[in-house]
């Protein structure tokens, strides 16, 4: 592990991934209350647990400067990321889950990728 994961960094990464504490607890096997206390600076976690959390939390990286685009490919929709400067595809996640909210407050979720 490059640097020790802090509670504040864990919260930032968890919310960036749009994960609830319960989801991270289920994924990691770490008690939800322990995770909350860790994020709030009230609990220290063992190094092995910190390494596990860091591996889980950084597995989803933001697209950075790549532009998202949904395409129709082989009878299903796919999410790709293009380089805005060249228009060339940079990456194609095998599956993706996209959430958005309309002006009227209605929220939608779309799952794309392999069926």
C-alpha atoms as a PDB file:
ATOM      1  CA  UNK A   1       0.000   0.000   0.000  1.00  0.00           C
ATOM      2  CA  UNK A   2       1.459   3.350  -0.987  1.00  0.00           C
ATOM      3  CA  UNK A   3       0.191   5.440   1.925  1.00  0.00           C
ATOM      4  CA  UNK A   4      -2.067   4.629   4.826  1.00  0.00           C
ATOM      5  CA  UNK A   5      -5.740   5.150   4.132  1.00  0.00           C
ATOM      6  CA  UNK A   6      -7.314   7.811   6.348  1.00  0.00           C
ATOM      7  CA  UNK A   7     -10.945   7.929   7.396  1.00  0.00           C
ATOM      8  CA  UNK A   8     -11.519  11.137   5.447  1.00  0.00           C
ATOM      9  CA  UNK A   9      -9.995   9.611   2.306  1.00  0.00           C
ATOM     10  CA  UNK A  10     -12.090   6.449   2.746  1.00  0.00           C
ATOM     11  CA  UNK A  11     -15.261   8.570   2.938  1.00  0.00           C
ATOM     12  CA  UNK A  12     -14.240  10.588  -0.138  1.00  0.00           C
ATOM     13  CA  UNK A  13     -13.567   7.450  -2.186  1.00  0.00           C
ATOM     14  CA  UNK A  14     -16.705   5.712  -0.929  1.00  0.00           C
ATOM     15  CA  UNK A  15     -18.940   8.649  -1.829  1.00  0.00           C
ATOM     16  CA  UNK A  16     -17.172   9.079  -5.181  1.00  0.00           C
ATOM     17  CA  UNK A  17     -18.119   5.478  -5.935  1.00  0.00           C
ATOM     18  CA  UNK A  18     -21.682   6.248  -4.768  1.00  0.00           C
ATOM     19  CA  UNK A  19     -21.451   3.470  -2.159  1.00  0.00           C
ATOM     20  CA  UNK A  20     -23.326   3.428   1.135  1.00  0.00           C
ATOM     21  CA  UNK A  21     -21.582   2.398   4.335  1.00  0.00           C
ATOM     22  CA  UNK A  22     -23.689  -0.766   4.294  1.00  0.00           C
ATOM     23  CA  UNK A  23     -22.554  -1.604   0.758  1.00  0.00           C
ATOM     24  CA  UNK A  24     -18.873  -1.194   1.733  1.00  0.00           C
ATOM     25  CA  UNK A  25     -19.472  -3.251   4.882  1.00  0.00           C
ATOM     26  CA  UNK A  26     -21.034  -6.047   2.821  1.00  0.00           C
ATOM     27  CA  UNK A  27     -18.224  -5.872   0.258  1.00  0.00           C
ATOM     28  CA  UNK A  28     -15.389  -5.823   2.801  1.00  0.00           C
ATOM     29  CA  UNK A  29     -16.782  -7.861   5.688  1.00  0.00           C
ATOM     30  CA  UNK A  30     -15.973  -4.975   8.058  1.00  0.00           C
ATOM     31  CA  UNK A  31     -18.680  -3.990  10.543  1.00  0.00           C
ATOM     32  CA  UNK A  32     -20.692  -0.956   9.342  1.00  0.00           C
ATOM     33  CA  UNK A  33     -20.340   0.776  12.737  1.00  0.00           C
ATOM     34  CA  UNK A  34     -16.546   0.272  12.633  1.00  0.00           C
ATOM     35  CA  UNK A  35     -16.417   1.818   9.154  1.00  0.00           C
ATOM     36  CA  UNK A  36     -18.440   4.815  10.330  1.00  0.00           C
ATOM     37  CA  UNK A  37     -16.220   5.299  13.366  1.00  0.00           C
ATOM     38  CA  UNK A  38     -13.110   4.988  11.166  1.00  0.00           C
ATOM     39  CA  UNK A  39     -14.404   7.598   8.704  1.00  0.00           C
ATOM     40  CA  UNK A  40     -15.160   9.935  11.623  1.00  0.00           C
ATOM     41  CA  UNK A  41     -11.683   9.505  13.158  1.00  0.00           C
ATOM     42  CA  UNK A  42     -13.000   7.591  16.187  1.00  0.00           C
ATOM     43  CA  UNK A  43     -11.468   4.179  15.421  1.00  0.00           C
ATOM     44  CA  UNK A  44      -8.204   2.806  14.069  1.00  0.00           C
ATOM     45  CA  UNK A  45      -8.281  -0.252  11.832  1.00  0.00           C
ATOM     46  CA  UNK A  46      -5.602  -2.951  11.491  1.00  0.00           C
ATOM     47  CA  UNK A  47      -3.177  -2.564   8.560  1.00  0.00           C
ATOM     48  CA  UNK A  48      -4.604  -5.602   6.743  1.00  0.00           C
ATOM     49  CA  UNK A  49      -8.105  -4.096   6.924  1.00  0.00           C
ATOM     50  CA  UNK A  50      -6.817  -0.737   5.684  1.00  0.00           C
ATOM     51  CA  UNK A  51      -5.169  -2.462   2.714  1.00  0.00           C
ATOM     52  CA  UNK A  52      -8.380  -4.326   1.899  1.00  0.00           C
ATOM     53  CA  UNK A  53     -10.464  -1.142   2.082  1.00  0.00           C
ATOM     54  CA  UNK A  54      -8.009   0.763  -0.081  1.00  0.00           C
ATOM     55  CA  UNK A  55      -8.004  -1.982  -2.726  1.00  0.00           C
ATOM     56  CA  UNK A  56     -11.819  -2.012  -2.795  1.00  0.00           C
ATOM     57  CA  UNK A  57     -12.229   1.770  -2.778  1.00  0.00           C
ATOM     58  CA  UNK A  58      -9.782   2.539  -5.564  1.00  0.00           C
ATOM     59  CA  UNK A  59     -10.995  -0.213  -7.900  1.00  0.00           C
ATOM     60  CA  UNK A  60     -13.323   2.291  -9.575  1.00  0.00           C
ATOM     61  CA  UNK A  61     -11.338   5.119 -11.068  1.00  0.00           C
ATOM     62  CA  UNK A  62     -12.973   8.233 -12.515  1.00  0.00           C
ATOM     63  CA  UNK A  63     -12.743   8.700 -16.276  1.00  0.00           C
ATOM     64  CA  UNK A  64     -10.456  11.720 -15.851  1.00  0.00           C
ATOM     65  CA  UNK A  65     -10.392  13.678 -19.070  1.00  0.00           C
ATOM     66  CA  UNK A  66     -12.160  10.995 -21.118  1.00  0.00           C
ATOM     67  CA  UNK A  67     -15.687  11.787 -22.300  1.00  0.00           C
ATOM     68  CA  UNK A  68     -18.408   9.184 -21.646  1.00  0.00           C
ATOM     69  CA  UNK A  69     -20.511   8.017 -24.576  1.00  0.00           C
ATOM     70  CA  UNK A  70     -23.193   5.317 -24.861  1.00  0.00           C
ATOM     71  CA  UNK A  71     -23.153   3.263 -28.048  1.00  0.00           C
ATOM     72  CA  UNK A  72     -25.314   0.423 -29.373  1.00  0.00           C
ATOM     73  CA  UNK A  73     -23.089  -2.621 -29.839  1.00  0.00           C
ATOM     74  CA  UNK A  74     -24.109  -6.201 -30.630  1.00  0.00           C
ATOM     75  CA  UNK A  75     -27.754  -5.801 -29.584  1.00  0.00           C
ATOM     76  CA  UNK A  76     -27.036  -4.057 -26.274  1.00  0.00           C
ATOM     77  CA  UNK A  77     -25.820  -0.683 -25.062  1.00  0.00           C
ATOM     78  CA  UNK A  78     -22.219  -0.090 -24.020  1.00  0.00           C
ATOM     79  CA  UNK A  79     -20.509   2.734 -22.192  1.00  0.00           C
ATOM     80  CA  UNK A  80     -17.221   3.885 -23.693  1.00  0.00           C
ATOM     81  CA  UNK A  81     -14.851   6.709 -22.837  1.00  0.00           C
ATOM     82  CA  UNK A  82     -13.362   8.773 -25.628  1.00  0.00           C
ATOM     83  CA  UNK A  83     -10.409  11.129 -25.676  1.00  0.00           C
ATOM     84  CA  UNK A  84     -12.071  14.520 -26.333  1.00  0.00           C
ATOM     85  CA  UNK A  85      -9.085  15.725 -28.350  1.00  0.00           C
ATOM     86  CA  UNK A  86      -8.974  12.810 -30.794  1.00  0.00           C
ATOM     87  CA  UNK A  87     -12.434  11.228 -30.515  1.00  0.00           C
ATOM     88  CA  UNK A  88     -10.741   7.833 -30.177  1.00  0.00           C
ATOM     89  CA  UNK A  89     -11.964   5.280 -27.687  1.00  0.00           C
ATOM     90  CA  UNK A  90      -9.836   5.195 -24.527  1.00  0.00           C
ATOM     91  CA  UNK A  91     -11.617   2.513 -22.524  1.00  0.00           C
ATOM     92  CA  UNK A  92     -14.682   0.310 -22.473  1.00  0.00           C
ATOM     93  CA  UNK A  93     -15.754  -1.015 -19.073  1.00  0.00           C
ATOM     94  CA  UNK A  94     -17.316  -4.499 -19.257  1.00  0.00           C
ATOM     95  CA  UNK A  95     -20.331  -3.260 -17.286  1.00  0.00           C
ATOM     96  CA  UNK A  96     -21.443   0.136 -15.997  1.00  0.00           C
ATOM     97  CA  UNK A  97     -24.210   1.625 -13.954  1.00  0.00           C
ATOM     98  CA  UNK A  98     -25.233   5.190 -14.782  1.00  0.00           C
ATOM     99  CA  UNK A  99     -27.464   7.394 -12.626  1.00  0.00           C
ATOM    100  CA  UNK A 100     -28.958  10.761 -13.513  1.00  0.00           C
ATOM    101  CA  UNK A 101     -31.672  13.122 -12.316  1.00  0.00           C
ATOM    102  CA  UNK A 102     -34.025  14.982 -14.626  1.00  0.00           C
ATOM    103  CA  UNK A 103     -35.047  18.613 -14.090  1.00  0.00           C
ATOM    104  CA  UNK A 104     -38.324  17.462 -12.509  1.00  0.00           C
ATOM    105  CA  UNK A 105     -36.394  15.516  -9.834  1.00  0.00           C
ATOM    106  CA  UNK A 106     -37.005  12.055 -11.322  1.00  0.00           C
ATOM    107  CA  UNK A 107     -33.955   9.814 -10.897  1.00  0.00           C
ATOM    108  CA  UNK A 108     -33.048   7.065 -13.370  1.00  0.00           C
ATOM    109  CA  UNK A 109     -30.500   4.252 -13.283  1.00  0.00           C
ATOM    110  CA  UNK A 110     -29.242   2.501 -16.401  1.00  0.00           C
ATOM    111  CA  UNK A 111     -27.120  -0.633 -16.515  1.00  0.00           C
ATOM    112  CA  UNK A 112     -25.076  -1.163 -19.660  1.00  0.00           C
ATOM    113  CA  UNK A 113     -22.601  -3.769 -20.793  1.00  0.00           C
ATOM    114  CA  UNK A 114     -22.590  -7.475 -21.391  1.00  0.00           C
ATOM    115  CA  UNK A 115     -26.046  -9.040 -21.008  1.00  0.00           C
END
